[in-house]
Amino acid sequence: MNKILVVDDEERIVDITEKFLKMNGFDVVKAIGGEEAIRILSTDTQIDLMVLDMKMPKVNGLGVMQKKTELGKKFPVLLLTGSIDAEKYLEVLKDKGFTAEDILYKPIDLSVLLEKVKQKLNIA
């Protein structure tokens, strides 16, 4: 079963996303905020995909991705943003191999999330 790390500073979003992904057959690890995500990434927990909020206090999505890289973790990431300035993130993320297709906008359309998760995990 594919394990997805869901990271957001809004617990309600994490809970809704977790329930939906579990209903669709995925195992989910939750992180409320970037600091908790880094703690999880620093363990030997096997993660197959991360759904990551970009705008969080203390440690934002870019900080989490930087730590993921430092730790040598190699799994795909889908980015969440409620921010209208997502274009600014995209400019920074292009250098890391991301495209506009990797960004999901809040409020999350769960059917689009599921489609993108399946694409990233190569699930038909």
PDB file of N, CA and C in Angstrom:
ATOM      1  N   MET A   1       0.848  -1.180   0.000  1.00  0.00           N
ATOM      2  CA  MET A   1       0.000   0.000   0.000  1.00  0.00           C
ATOM      3  C   MET A   1       0.892   1.241   0.000  1.00  0.00           C
ATOM      4  N   ASN A   2       0.586   2.191  -0.884  1.00  0.00           N
ATOM      5  CA  ASN A   2       1.368   3.422  -0.967  1.00  0.00           C
ATOM      6  C   ASN A   2       1.123   4.306   0.245  1.00  0.00           C
ATOM      7  N   LYS A   3       2.211   4.856   0.801  1.00  0.00           N
ATOM      8  CA  LYS A   3       2.124   5.711   1.978  1.00  0.00           C
ATOM      9  C   LYS A   3       2.342   7.156   1.566  1.00  0.00           C
ATOM     10  N   ILE A   4       1.387   8.008   1.946  1.00  0.00           N
ATOM     11  CA  ILE A   4       1.414   9.418   1.579  1.00  0.00           C
ATOM     12  C   ILE A   4       1.563  10.262   2.839  1.00  0.00           C
ATOM     13  N   LEU A   5       2.541  11.152   2.826  1.00  0.00           N
ATOM     14  CA  LEU A   5       2.724  12.118   3.902  1.00  0.00           C
ATOM     15  C   LEU A   5       1.956  13.378   3.527  1.00  0.00           C
ATOM     16  N   VAL A   6       0.983  13.749   4.370  1.00  0.00           N
ATOM     17  CA  VAL A   6       0.179  14.952   4.135  1.00  0.00           C
ATOM     18  C   VAL A   6       0.630  16.009   5.136  1.00  0.00           C
ATOM     19  N   VAL A   7       1.088  17.162   4.614  1.00  0.00           N
ATOM     20  CA  VAL A   7       1.653  18.221   5.451  1.00  0.00           C
ATOM     21  C   VAL A   7       0.896  19.528   5.221  1.00  0.00           C
ATOM     22  N   ASP A   8       0.330  20.061   6.297  1.00  0.00           N
ATOM     23  CA  ASP A   8      -0.341  21.357   6.242  1.00  0.00           C
ATOM     24  C   ASP A   8      -0.397  21.894   7.665  1.00  0.00           C
ATOM     25  N   ASP A   9      -0.400  23.204   7.815  1.00  0.00           N
ATOM     26  CA  ASP A   9      -0.508  23.780   9.152  1.00  0.00           C
ATOM     27  C   ASP A   9      -1.966  23.856   9.611  1.00  0.00           C
ATOM     28  N   GLU A  10      -2.905  23.600   8.709  1.00  0.00           N
ATOM     29  CA  GLU A  10      -4.325  23.590   9.063  1.00  0.00           C
ATOM     30  C   GLU A  10      -4.760  22.143   9.283  1.00  0.00           C
ATOM     31  N   GLU A  11      -4.989  21.799  10.553  1.00  0.00           N
ATOM     32  CA  GLU A  11      -5.305  20.420  10.909  1.00  0.00           C
ATOM     33  C   GLU A  11      -6.550  19.904  10.187  1.00  0.00           C
ATOM     34  N   ARG A  12      -7.516  20.776   9.979  1.00  0.00           N
ATOM     35  CA  ARG A  12      -8.753  20.376   9.289  1.00  0.00           C
ATOM     36  C   ARG A  12      -8.464  19.891   7.870  1.00  0.00           C
ATOM     37  N   ILE A  13      -7.571  20.576   7.186  1.00  0.00           N
ATOM     38  CA  ILE A  13      -7.210  20.180   5.818  1.00  0.00           C
ATOM     39  C   ILE A  13      -6.495  18.838   5.832  1.00  0.00           C
ATOM     40  N   VAL A  14      -5.596  18.654   6.793  1.00  0.00           N
ATOM     41  CA  VAL A  14      -4.882  17.384   6.915  1.00  0.00           C
ATOM     42  C   VAL A  14      -5.873  16.246   7.184  1.00  0.00           C
ATOM     43  N   ASP A  15      -6.823  16.477   8.083  1.00  0.00           N
ATOM     44  CA  ASP A  15      -7.795  15.436   8.432  1.00  0.00           C
ATOM     45  C   ASP A  15      -8.694  15.065   7.246  1.00  0.00           C
ATOM     46  N   ILE A  16      -9.190  16.068   6.541  1.00  0.00           N
ATOM     47  CA  ILE A  16     -10.046  15.814   5.375  1.00  0.00           C
ATOM     48  C   ILE A  16      -9.270  15.056   4.304  1.00  0.00           C
ATOM     49  N   THR A  17      -8.049  15.495   4.036  1.00  0.00           N
ATOM     50  CA  THR A  17      -7.219  14.853   3.023  1.00  0.00           C
ATOM     51  C   THR A  17      -6.905  13.416   3.428  1.00  0.00           C
ATOM     52  N   GLU A  18      -6.588  13.213   4.706  1.00  0.00           N
ATOM     53  CA  GLU A  18      -6.293  11.862   5.200  1.00  0.00           C
ATOM     54  C   GLU A  18      -7.496  10.931   5.001  1.00  0.00           C
ATOM     55  N   LYS A  19      -8.661  11.369   5.422  1.00  0.00           N
ATOM     56  CA  LYS A  19      -9.864  10.527   5.298  1.00  0.00           C
ATOM     57  C   LYS A  19     -10.130  10.165   3.845  1.00  0.00           C
ATOM     58  N   PHE A  20     -10.017  11.158   2.963  1.00  0.00           N
ATOM     59  CA  PHE A  20     -10.279  10.916   1.544  1.00  0.00           C
ATOM     60  C   PHE A  20      -9.272   9.929   0.957  1.00  0.00           C
ATOM     61  N   LEU A  21      -7.988  10.129   1.239  1.00  0.00           N
ATOM     62  CA  LEU A  21      -6.967   9.234   0.687  1.00  0.00           C
ATOM     63  C   LEU A  21      -7.104   7.822   1.255  1.00  0.00           C
ATOM     64  N   LYS A  22      -7.435   7.703   2.528  1.00  0.00           N
ATOM     65  CA  LYS A  22      -7.639   6.372   3.120  1.00  0.00           C
ATOM     66  C   LYS A  22      -8.830   5.665   2.474  1.00  0.00           C
ATOM     67  N   MET A  23      -9.902   6.429   2.201  1.00  0.00           N
ATOM     68  CA  MET A  23     -11.074   5.857   1.525  1.00  0.00           C
ATOM     69  C   MET A  23     -10.707   5.302   0.154  1.00  0.00           C
ATOM     70  N   ASN A  24      -9.664   5.866  -0.433  1.00  0.00           N
ATOM     71  CA  ASN A  24      -9.231   5.457  -1.766  1.00  0.00           C
ATOM     72  C   ASN A  24      -8.046   4.498  -1.729  1.00  0.00           C
ATOM     73  N   GLY A  25      -7.804   3.904  -0.566  1.00  0.00           N
ATOM     74  CA  GLY A  25      -6.858   2.809  -0.467  1.00  0.00           C
ATOM     75  C   GLY A  25      -5.412   3.165  -0.169  1.00  0.00           C
ATOM     76  N   PHE A  26      -5.169   4.388   0.276  1.00  0.00           N
ATOM     77  CA  PHE A  26      -3.802   4.793   0.590  1.00  0.00           C
ATOM     78  C   PHE A  26      -3.574   4.796   2.094  1.00  0.00           C
ATOM     79  N   ASP A  27      -2.342   4.557   2.485  1.00  0.00           N
ATOM     80  CA  ASP A  27      -1.916   4.696   3.865  1.00  0.00           C
ATOM     81  C   ASP A  27      -1.458   6.143   4.020  1.00  0.00           C
ATOM     82  N   VAL A  28      -1.795   6.792   5.131  1.00  0.00           N
ATOM     83  CA  VAL A  28      -1.496   8.215   5.284  1.00  0.00           C
ATOM     84  C   VAL A  28      -0.743   8.477   6.591  1.00  0.00           C
ATOM     85  N   VAL A  29       0.284   9.303   6.483  1.00  0.00           N
ATOM     86  CA  VAL A  29       0.991   9.826   7.646  1.00  0.00           C
ATOM     87  C   VAL A  29       0.693  11.320   7.665  1.00  0.00           C
ATOM     88  N   LYS A  30       0.281  11.831   8.835  1.00  0.00           N
ATOM     89  CA  LYS A  30      -0.096  13.237   8.941  1.00  0.00           C
ATOM     90  C   LYS A  30       1.006  14.040   9.626  1.00  0.00           C
ATOM     91  N   ALA A  31       1.199  15.264   9.138  1.00  0.00           N
ATOM     92  CA  ALA A  31       2.104  16.213   9.786  1.00  0.00           C
ATOM     93  C   ALA A  31       1.401  17.565   9.832  1.00  0.00           C
ATOM     94  N   ILE A  32       1.220  18.077  11.055  1.00  0.00           N
ATOM     95  CA  ILE A  32       0.634  19.402  11.211  1.00  0.00           C
ATOM     96  C   ILE A  32       1.792  20.393  11.262  1.00  0.00           C
ATOM     97  N   GLY A  33       2.123  20.951  10.111  1.00  0.00           N
ATOM     98  CA  GLY A  33       3.197  21.932  10.011  1.00  0.00           C
ATOM     99  C   GLY A  33       4.510  21.345   9.533  1.00  0.00           C
ATOM    100  N   GLY A  34       5.381  22.244   9.114  1.00  0.00           N
ATOM    101  CA  GLY A  34       6.661  21.861   8.544  1.00  0.00           C
ATOM    102  C   GLY A  34       7.613  21.205   9.523  1.00  0.00           C
ATOM    103  N   GLU A  35       7.606  21.654  10.777  1.00  0.00           N
ATOM    104  CA  GLU A  35       8.504  21.064  11.771  1.00  0.00           C
ATOM    105  C   GLU A  35       8.188  19.586  11.978  1.00  0.00           C
ATOM    106  N   GLU A  36       6.892  19.267  12.076  1.00  0.00           N
ATOM    107  CA  GLU A  36       6.497  17.863  12.257  1.00  0.00           C
ATOM    108  C   GLU A  36       6.850  17.046  11.023  1.00  0.00           C
ATOM    109  N   ALA A  37       6.690  17.634   9.852  1.00  0.00           N
ATOM    110  CA  ALA A  37       7.054  16.935   8.610  1.00  0.00           C
ATOM    111  C   ALA A  37       8.541  16.583   8.615  1.00  0.00           C
ATOM    112  N   ILE A  38       9.371  17.511   9.036  1.00  0.00           N
ATOM    113  CA  ILE A  38      10.815  17.260   9.077  1.00  0.00           C
ATOM    114  C   ILE A  38      11.140  16.159  10.083  1.00  0.00           C
ATOM    115  N   ARG A  39      10.442  16.148  11.220  1.00  0.00           N
ATOM    116  CA  ARG A  39      10.659  15.068  12.194  1.00  0.00           C
ATOM    117  C   ARG A  39      10.344  13.712  11.564  1.00  0.00           C
ATOM    118  N   ILE A  40       9.247  13.649  10.807  1.00  0.00           N
ATOM    119  CA  ILE A  40       8.855  12.388  10.162  1.00  0.00           C
ATOM    120  C   ILE A  40       9.873  12.012   9.084  1.00  0.00           C
ATOM    121  N   LEU A  41      10.276  12.988   8.278  1.00  0.00           N
ATOM    122  CA  LEU A  41      11.251  12.719   7.217  1.00  0.00           C
ATOM    123  C   LEU A  41      12.590  12.247   7.787  1.00  0.00           C
ATOM    124  N   SER A  42      12.888  12.661   9.004  1.00  0.00           N
ATOM    125  CA  SER A  42      14.153  12.301   9.640  1.00  0.00           C
ATOM    126  C   SER A  42      14.158  10.880  10.208  1.00  0.00           C
ATOM    127  N   THR A  43      13.013  10.203  10.146  1.00  0.00           N
ATOM    128  CA  THR A  43      12.931   8.819  10.610  1.00  0.00           C
ATOM    129  C   THR A  43      13.085   7.888   9.410  1.00  0.00           C
ATOM    130  N   ASP A  44      12.989   6.604   9.666  1.00  0.00           N
ATOM    131  CA  ASP A  44      13.080   5.645   8.559  1.00  0.00           C
ATOM    132  C   ASP A  44      11.699   5.279   8.004  1.00  0.00           C
ATOM    133  N   THR A  45      10.687   6.094   8.302  1.00  0.00           N
ATOM    134  CA  THR A  45       9.349   5.876   7.759  1.00  0.00           C
ATOM    135  C   THR A  45       9.400   5.918   6.241  1.00  0.00           C
ATOM    136  N   GLN A  46       8.880   4.871   5.601  1.00  0.00           N
ATOM    137  CA  GLN A  46       8.851   4.812   4.135  1.00  0.00           C
ATOM    138  C   GLN A  46       7.727   5.697   3.617  1.00  0.00           C
ATOM    139  N   ILE A  47       8.065   6.688   2.821  1.00  0.00           N
ATOM    140  CA  ILE A  47       7.082   7.594   2.220  1.00  0.00           C
ATOM    141  C   ILE A  47       7.177   7.419   0.708  1.00  0.00           C
ATOM    142  N   ASP A  48       6.003   7.295   0.053  1.00  0.00           N
ATOM    143  CA  ASP A  48       5.965   7.148  -1.400  1.00  0.00           C
ATOM    144  C   ASP A  48       5.614   8.445  -2.125  1.00  0.00           C
ATOM    145  N   LEU A  49       4.962   9.377  -1.402  1.00  0.00           N
ATOM    146  CA  LEU A  49       4.518  10.641  -1.991  1.00  0.00           C
ATOM    147  C   LEU A  49       4.245  11.608  -0.850  1.00  0.00           C
ATOM    148  N   MET A  50       4.492  12.887  -1.098  1.00  0.00           N
ATOM    149  CA  MET A  50       4.165  13.902  -0.099  1.00  0.00           C
ATOM    150  C   MET A  50       3.231  14.928  -0.716  1.00  0.00           C
ATOM    151  N   VAL A  51       2.158  15.259   0.014  1.00  0.00           N
ATOM    152  CA  VAL A  51       1.260  16.353  -0.343  1.00  0.00           C
ATOM    153  C   VAL A  51       1.614  17.467   0.636  1.00  0.00           C
ATOM    154  N   LEU A  52       2.163  18.561   0.122  1.00  0.00           N
ATOM    155  CA  LEU A  52       2.834  19.555   0.958  1.00  0.00           C
ATOM    156  C   LEU A  52       2.284  20.959   0.754  1.00  0.00           C
ATOM    157  N   ASP A  53       1.834  21.558   1.854  1.00  0.00           N
ATOM    158  CA  ASP A  53       1.409  22.957   1.832  1.00  0.00           C
ATOM    159  C   ASP A  53       2.648  23.837   1.730  1.00  0.00           C
ATOM    160  N   MET A  54       2.580  24.876   0.935  1.00  0.00           N
ATOM    161  CA  MET A  54       3.736  25.745   0.746  1.00  0.00           C
ATOM    162  C   MET A  54       3.846  26.827   1.817  1.00  0.00           C
ATOM    163  N   LYS A  55       2.706  27.392   2.229  1.00  0.00           N
ATOM    164  CA  LYS A  55       2.734  28.541   3.128  1.00  0.00           C
ATOM    165  C   LYS A  55       2.353  28.098   4.538  1.00  0.00           C
ATOM    166  N   MET A  56       3.373  27.934   5.381  1.00  0.00           N
ATOM    167  CA  MET A  56       3.168  27.522   6.769  1.00  0.00           C
ATOM    168  C   MET A  56       4.083  28.361   7.655  1.00  0.00           C
ATOM    169  N   PRO A  57       3.670  28.596   8.910  1.00  0.00           N
ATOM    170  CA  PRO A  57       4.560  29.334   9.817  1.00  0.00           C
ATOM    171  C   PRO A  57       5.763  28.483  10.213  1.00  0.00           C
ATOM    172  N   LYS A  58       6.783  29.118  10.684  1.00  0.00           N
ATOM    173  CA  LYS A  58       8.037  28.502  11.149  1.00  0.00           C
ATOM    174  C   LYS A  58       8.795  27.838  10.008  1.00  0.00           C
ATOM    175  N   VAL A  59       8.353  26.670   9.534  1.00  0.00           N
ATOM    176  CA  VAL A  59       9.031  25.984   8.429  1.00  0.00           C
ATOM    177  C   VAL A  59       8.026  25.853   7.280  1.00  0.00           C
ATOM    178  N   ASN A  60       8.283  26.543   6.168  1.00  0.00           N
ATOM    179  CA  ASN A  60       7.355  26.482   5.036  1.00  0.00           C
ATOM    180  C   ASN A  60       7.673  25.283   4.138  1.00  0.00           C
ATOM    181  N   GLY A  61       6.911  25.151   3.076  1.00  0.00           N
ATOM    182  CA  GLY A  61       7.089  24.031   2.161  1.00  0.00           C
ATOM    183  C   GLY A  61       8.474  23.960   1.555  1.00  0.00           C
ATOM    184  N   LEU A  62       9.061  25.113   1.229  1.00  0.00           N
ATOM    185  CA  LEU A  62      10.409  25.115   0.671  1.00  0.00           C
ATOM    186  C   LEU A  62      11.415  24.575   1.685  1.00  0.00           C
ATOM    187  N   GLY A  63      11.224  24.909   2.949  1.00  0.00           N
ATOM    188  CA  GLY A  63      12.100  24.394   4.001  1.00  0.00           C
ATOM    189  C   GLY A  63      11.993  22.886   4.145  1.00  0.00           C
ATOM    190  N   VAL A  64      10.763  22.377   4.049  1.00  0.00           N
ATOM    191  CA  VAL A  64      10.544  20.928   4.134  1.00  0.00           C
ATOM    192  C   VAL A  64      11.213  20.238   2.945  1.00  0.00           C
ATOM    193  N   MET A  65      11.049  20.813   1.753  1.00  0.00           N
ATOM    194  CA  MET A  65      11.666  20.204   0.568  1.00  0.00           C
ATOM    195  C   MET A  65      13.189  20.233   0.643  1.00  0.00           C
ATOM    196  N   GLN A  66      13.734  21.309   1.200  1.00  0.00           N
ATOM    197  CA  GLN A  66      15.187  21.400   1.364  1.00  0.00           C
ATOM    198  C   GLN A  66      15.681  20.274   2.280  1.00  0.00           C
ATOM    199  N   LYS A  67      14.968  20.044   3.382  1.00  0.00           N
ATOM    200  CA  LYS A  67      15.359  18.988   4.320  1.00  0.00           C
ATOM    201  C   LYS A  67      15.203  17.609   3.678  1.00  0.00           C
ATOM    202  N   LYS A  68      14.138  17.431   2.902  1.00  0.00           N
ATOM    203  CA  LYS A  68      13.912  16.168   2.173  1.00  0.00           C
ATOM    204  C   LYS A  68      15.124  15.868   1.289  1.00  0.00           C
ATOM    205  N   THR A  69      15.599  16.882   0.578  1.00  0.00           N
ATOM    206  CA  THR A  69      16.765  16.730  -0.299  1.00  0.00           C
ATOM    207  C   THR A  69      18.014  16.411   0.518  1.00  0.00           C
ATOM    208  N   GLU A  70      18.224  17.158   1.617  1.00  0.00           N
ATOM    209  CA  GLU A  70      19.398  16.928   2.466  1.00  0.00           C
ATOM    210  C   GLU A  70      19.423  15.496   3.008  1.00  0.00           C
ATOM    211  N   LEU A  71      18.242  14.957   3.304  1.00  0.00           N
ATOM    212  CA  LEU A  71      18.132  13.608   3.862  1.00  0.00           C
ATOM    213  C   LEU A  71      18.223  12.527   2.783  1.00  0.00           C
ATOM    214  N   GLY A  72      18.278  12.948   1.511  1.00  0.00           N
ATOM    215  CA  GLY A  72      18.392  11.984   0.416  1.00  0.00           C
ATOM    216  C   GLY A  72      17.101  11.236   0.126  1.00  0.00           C
ATOM    217  N   LYS A  73      15.977  11.807   0.522  1.00  0.00           N
ATOM    218  CA  LYS A  73      14.674  11.176   0.274  1.00  0.00           C
ATOM    219  C   LYS A  73      14.269  11.446  -1.170  1.00  0.00           C
ATOM    220  N   LYS A  74      13.886  10.388  -1.870  1.00  0.00           N
ATOM    221  CA  LYS A  74      13.537  10.533  -3.287  1.00  0.00           C
ATOM    222  C   LYS A  74      12.132   9.999  -3.523  1.00  0.00           C
ATOM    223  N   PHE A  75      11.144  10.870  -3.385  1.00  0.00           N
ATOM    224  CA  PHE A  75       9.765  10.530  -3.710  1.00  0.00           C
ATOM    225  C   PHE A  75       9.096  11.788  -4.253  1.00  0.00           C
ATOM    226  N   PRO A  76       8.040  11.624  -5.056  1.00  0.00           N
ATOM    227  CA  PRO A  76       7.388  12.788  -5.656  1.00  0.00           C
ATOM    228  C   PRO A  76       6.634  13.632  -4.624  1.00  0.00           C
ATOM    229  N   VAL A  77       6.410  14.886  -4.991  1.00  0.00           N
ATOM    230  CA  VAL A  77       5.728  15.842  -4.113  1.00  0.00           C
ATOM    231  C   VAL A  77       4.651  16.563  -4.914  1.00  0.00           C
ATOM    232  N   LEU A  78       3.471  16.665  -4.309  1.00  0.00           N
ATOM    233  CA  LEU A  78       2.419  17.543  -4.830  1.00  0.00           C
ATOM    234  C   LEU A  78       2.326  18.726  -3.872  1.00  0.00           C
ATOM    235  N   LEU A  79       2.257  19.908  -4.420  1.00  0.00           N
ATOM    236  CA  LEU A  79       2.262  21.117  -3.612  1.00  0.00           C
ATOM    237  C   LEU A  79       0.861  21.683  -3.473  1.00  0.00           C
ATOM    238  N   LEU A  80       0.534  22.152  -2.269  1.00  0.00           N
ATOM    239  CA  LEU A  80      -0.740  22.811  -2.008  1.00  0.00           C
ATOM    240  C   LEU A  80      -0.475  24.276  -1.734  1.00  0.00           C
ATOM    241  N   THR A  81      -1.333  25.118  -2.255  1.00  0.00           N
ATOM    242  CA  THR A  81      -1.240  26.524  -1.898  1.00  0.00           C
ATOM    243  C   THR A  81      -2.620  27.152  -1.938  1.00  0.00           C
ATOM    244  N   GLY A  82      -2.856  27.991  -0.970  1.00  0.00           N
ATOM    245  CA  GLY A  82      -4.071  28.790  -0.959  1.00  0.00           C
ATOM    246  C   GLY A  82      -3.716  30.191  -1.390  1.00  0.00           C
ATOM    247  N   SER A  83      -2.475  30.341  -1.723  1.00  0.00           N
ATOM    248  CA  SER A  83      -1.920  31.646  -1.995  1.00  0.00           C
ATOM    249  C   SER A  83      -2.104  32.024  -3.457  1.00  0.00           C
ATOM    250  N   ILE A  84      -2.500  33.251  -3.661  1.00  0.00           N
ATOM    251  CA  ILE A  84      -2.637  33.724  -5.043  1.00  0.00           C
ATOM    252  C   ILE A  84      -1.270  34.003  -5.667  1.00  0.00           C
ATOM    253  N   ASP A  85      -0.219  34.000  -4.833  1.00  0.00           N
ATOM    254  CA  ASP A  85       1.116  34.254  -5.377  1.00  0.00           C
ATOM    255  C   ASP A  85       1.855  32.949  -5.650  1.00  0.00           C
ATOM    256  N   ALA A  86       1.118  31.934  -6.071  1.00  0.00           N
ATOM    257  CA  ALA A  86       1.721  30.643  -6.391  1.00  0.00           C
ATOM    258  C   ALA A  86       2.734  30.769  -7.525  1.00  0.00           C
ATOM    259  N   GLU A  87       2.548  31.759  -8.374  1.00  0.00           N
ATOM    260  CA  GLU A  87       3.492  31.962  -9.477  1.00  0.00           C
ATOM    261  C   GLU A  87       4.901  32.193  -8.943  1.00  0.00           C
ATOM    262  N   LYS A  88       4.995  32.879  -7.808  1.00  0.00           N
ATOM    263  CA  LYS A  88       6.312  33.133  -7.215  1.00  0.00           C
ATOM    264  C   LYS A  88       6.940  31.814  -6.787  1.00  0.00           C
ATOM    265  N   TYR A  89       6.132  30.907  -6.233  1.00  0.00           N
ATOM    266  CA  TYR A  89       6.645  29.595  -5.856  1.00  0.00           C
ATOM    267  C   TYR A  89       7.093  28.829  -7.095  1.00  0.00           C
ATOM    268  N   LEU A  90       6.302  28.917  -8.148  1.00  0.00           N
ATOM    269  CA  LEU A  90       6.602  28.162  -9.357  1.00  0.00           C
ATOM    270  C   LEU A  90       7.965  28.557  -9.917  1.00  0.00           C
ATOM    271  N   GLU A  91       8.286  29.840  -9.870  1.00  0.00           N
ATOM    272  CA  GLU A  91       9.589  30.290 -10.371  1.00  0.00           C
ATOM    273  C   GLU A  91      10.721  29.624  -9.592  1.00  0.00           C
ATOM    274  N   VAL A  92      10.586  29.569  -8.274  1.00  0.00           N
ATOM    275  CA  VAL A  92      11.606  28.941  -7.431  1.00  0.00           C
ATOM    276  C   VAL A  92      11.640  27.431  -7.672  1.00  0.00           C
ATOM    277  N   LEU A  93      10.459  26.841  -7.864  1.00  0.00           N
ATOM    278  CA  LEU A  93      10.354  25.388  -7.957  1.00  0.00           C
ATOM    279  C   LEU A  93      10.744  24.829  -9.319  1.00  0.00           C
ATOM    280  N   LYS A  94      10.698  25.647 -10.347  1.00  0.00           N
ATOM    281  CA  LYS A  94      11.111  25.173 -11.675  1.00  0.00           C
ATOM    282  C   LYS A  94      12.529  24.625 -11.625  1.00  0.00           C
ATOM    283  N   ASP A  95      13.382  25.279 -10.827  1.00  0.00           N
ATOM    284  CA  ASP A  95      14.769  24.825 -10.690  1.00  0.00           C
ATOM    285  C   ASP A  95      14.853  23.448 -10.039  1.00  0.00           C
ATOM    286  N   LYS A  96      13.811  23.061  -9.316  1.00  0.00           N
ATOM    287  CA  LYS A  96      13.780  21.763  -8.643  1.00  0.00           C
ATOM    288  C   LYS A  96      13.004  20.722  -9.452  1.00  0.00           C
ATOM    289  N   GLY A  97      12.625  21.088 -10.676  1.00  0.00           N
ATOM    290  CA  GLY A  97      11.950  20.141 -11.551  1.00  0.00           C
ATOM    291  C   GLY A  97      10.438  20.142 -11.460  1.00  0.00           C
ATOM    292  N   PHE A  98       9.849  21.102 -10.755  1.00  0.00           N
ATOM    293  CA  PHE A  98       8.398  21.162 -10.632  1.00  0.00           C
ATOM    294  C   PHE A  98       7.787  21.944 -11.781  1.00  0.00           C
ATOM    295  N   THR A  99       6.525  21.639 -12.077  1.00  0.00           N
ATOM    296  CA  THR A  99       5.756  22.372 -13.085  1.00  0.00           C
ATOM    297  C   THR A  99       4.441  22.820 -12.466  1.00  0.00           C
ATOM    298  N   ALA A 100       3.672  23.593 -13.211  1.00  0.00           N
ATOM    299  CA  ALA A 100       2.367  24.042 -12.731  1.00  0.00           C
ATOM    300  C   ALA A 100       1.462  22.842 -12.421  1.00  0.00           C
ATOM    301  N   GLU A 101       1.691  21.726 -13.092  1.00  0.00           N
ATOM    302  CA  GLU A 101       0.896  20.506 -12.861  1.00  0.00           C
ATOM    303  C   GLU A 101       1.097  19.933 -11.457  1.00  0.00           C
ATOM    304  N   ASP A 102       2.178  20.311 -10.803  1.00  0.00           N
ATOM    305  CA  ASP A 102       2.489  19.795  -9.474  1.00  0.00           C
ATOM    306  C   ASP A 102       1.859  20.625  -8.357  1.00  0.00           C
ATOM    307  N   ILE A 103       1.158  21.705  -8.720  1.00  0.00           N
ATOM    308  CA  ILE A 103       0.567  22.597  -7.722  1.00  0.00           C
ATOM    309  C   ILE A 103      -0.946  22.438  -7.713  1.00  0.00           C
ATOM    310  N   LEU A 104      -1.496  22.240  -6.514  1.00  0.00           N
ATOM    311  CA  LEU A 104      -2.938  22.180  -6.308  1.00  0.00           C
ATOM    312  C   LEU A 104      -3.346  23.396  -5.484  1.00  0.00           C
ATOM    313  N   TYR A 105      -4.484  23.971  -5.822  1.00  0.00           N
ATOM    314  CA  TYR A 105      -4.929  25.185  -5.149  1.00  0.00           C
ATOM    315  C   TYR A 105      -6.025  24.879  -4.149  1.00  0.00           C
ATOM    316  N   LYS A 106      -5.957  25.550  -3.002  1.00  0.00           N
ATOM    317  CA  LYS A 106      -6.997  25.429  -1.989  1.00  0.00           C
ATOM    318  C   LYS A 106      -8.138  26.357  -2.373  1.00  0.00           C
ATOM    319  N   PRO A 107      -9.391  26.000  -2.114  1.00  0.00           N
ATOM    320  CA  PRO A 107      -9.796  24.727  -1.516  1.00  0.00           C
ATOM    321  C   PRO A 107      -9.518  23.572  -2.478  1.00  0.00           C
ATOM    322  N   ILE A 108      -9.083  22.461  -1.915  1.00  0.00           N
ATOM    323  CA  ILE A 108      -8.656  21.312  -2.715  1.00  0.00           C
ATOM    324  C   ILE A 108      -9.860  20.639  -3.352  1.00  0.00           C
ATOM    325  N   ASP A 109      -9.772  20.390  -4.651  1.00  0.00           N
ATOM    326  CA  ASP A 109     -10.732  19.544  -5.351  1.00  0.00           C
ATOM    327  C   ASP A 109     -10.220  18.122  -5.166  1.00  0.00           C
ATOM    328  N   LEU A 110     -10.902  17.341  -4.324  1.00  0.00           N
ATOM    329  CA  LEU A 110     -10.406  16.016  -3.962  1.00  0.00           C
ATOM    330  C   LEU A 110     -10.289  15.079  -5.159  1.00  0.00           C
ATOM    331  N   SER A 111     -11.153  15.235  -6.148  1.00  0.00           N
ATOM    332  CA  SER A 111     -11.045  14.373  -7.330  1.00  0.00           C
ATOM    333  C   SER A 111      -9.774  14.686  -8.110  1.00  0.00           C
ATOM    334  N   VAL A 112      -9.397  15.957  -8.170  1.00  0.00           N
ATOM    335  CA  VAL A 112      -8.153  16.347  -8.837  1.00  0.00           C
ATOM    336  C   VAL A 112      -6.964  15.846  -8.026  1.00  0.00           C
ATOM    337  N   LEU A 113      -7.050  15.949  -6.708  1.00  0.00           N
ATOM    338  CA  LEU A 113      -5.983  15.427  -5.844  1.00  0.00           C
ATOM    339  C   LEU A 113      -5.769  13.943  -6.106  1.00  0.00           C
ATOM    340  N   LEU A 114      -6.845  13.183  -6.133  1.00  0.00           N
ATOM    341  CA  LEU A 114      -6.742  11.742  -6.362  1.00  0.00           C
ATOM    342  C   LEU A 114      -6.107  11.450  -7.729  1.00  0.00           C
ATOM    343  N   GLU A 115      -6.539  12.167  -8.737  1.00  0.00           N
ATOM    344  CA  GLU A 115      -5.988  11.985 -10.084  1.00  0.00           C
ATOM    345  C   GLU A 115      -4.484  12.252 -10.098  1.00  0.00           C
ATOM    346  N   LYS A 116      -4.066  13.346  -9.459  1.00  0.00           N
ATOM    347  CA  LYS A 116      -2.638  13.706  -9.446  1.00  0.00           C
ATOM    348  C   LYS A 116      -1.826  12.709  -8.607  1.00  0.00           C
ATOM    349  N   VAL A 117      -2.378  12.230  -7.502  1.00  0.00           N
ATOM    350  CA  VAL A 117      -1.696  11.230  -6.674  1.00  0.00           C
ATOM    351  C   VAL A 117      -1.463   9.973  -7.501  1.00  0.00           C
ATOM    352  N   LYS A 118      -2.499   9.537  -8.201  1.00  0.00           N
ATOM    353  CA  LYS A 118      -2.372   8.325  -9.036  1.00  0.00           C
ATOM    354  C   LYS A 118      -1.344   8.529 -10.140  1.00  0.00           C
ATOM    355  N   GLN A 119      -1.312   9.718 -10.747  1.00  0.00           N
ATOM    356  CA  GLN A 119      -0.317  10.003 -11.792  1.00  0.00           C
ATOM    357  C   GLN A 119       1.092   9.916 -11.214  1.00  0.00           C
ATOM    358  N   LYS A 120       1.304  10.550 -10.083  1.00  0.00           N
ATOM    359  CA  LYS A 120       2.655  10.588  -9.475  1.00  0.00           C
ATOM    360  C   LYS A 120       3.111   9.197  -9.057  1.00  0.00           C
ATOM    361  N   LEU A 121       2.170   8.352  -8.648  1.00  0.00           N
ATOM    362  CA  LEU A 121       2.524   7.002  -8.191  1.00  0.00           C
ATOM    363  C   LEU A 121       2.396   5.966  -9.308  1.00  0.00           C
ATOM    364  N   ASN A 122       2.097   6.444 -10.523  1.00  0.00           N
ATOM    365  CA  ASN A 122       1.942   5.554 -11.679  1.00  0.00           C
ATOM    366  C   ASN A 122       0.914   4.451 -11.432  1.00  0.00           C
ATOM    367  N   ILE A 123      -0.238   4.871 -10.925  1.00  0.00           N
ATOM    368  CA  ILE A 123      -1.348   3.958 -10.683  1.00  0.00           C
ATOM    369  C   ILE A 123      -2.402   4.206 -11.759  1.00  0.00           C
ATOM    370  N   ALA A 124      -2.839   3.157 -12.404  1.00  0.00           N
ATOM    371  CA  ALA A 124      -3.831   3.311 -13.483  1.00  0.00           C
ATOM    372  C   ALA A 124      -5.181   3.728 -12.933  1.00  0.00           C
TER     373      ALA A 124
END
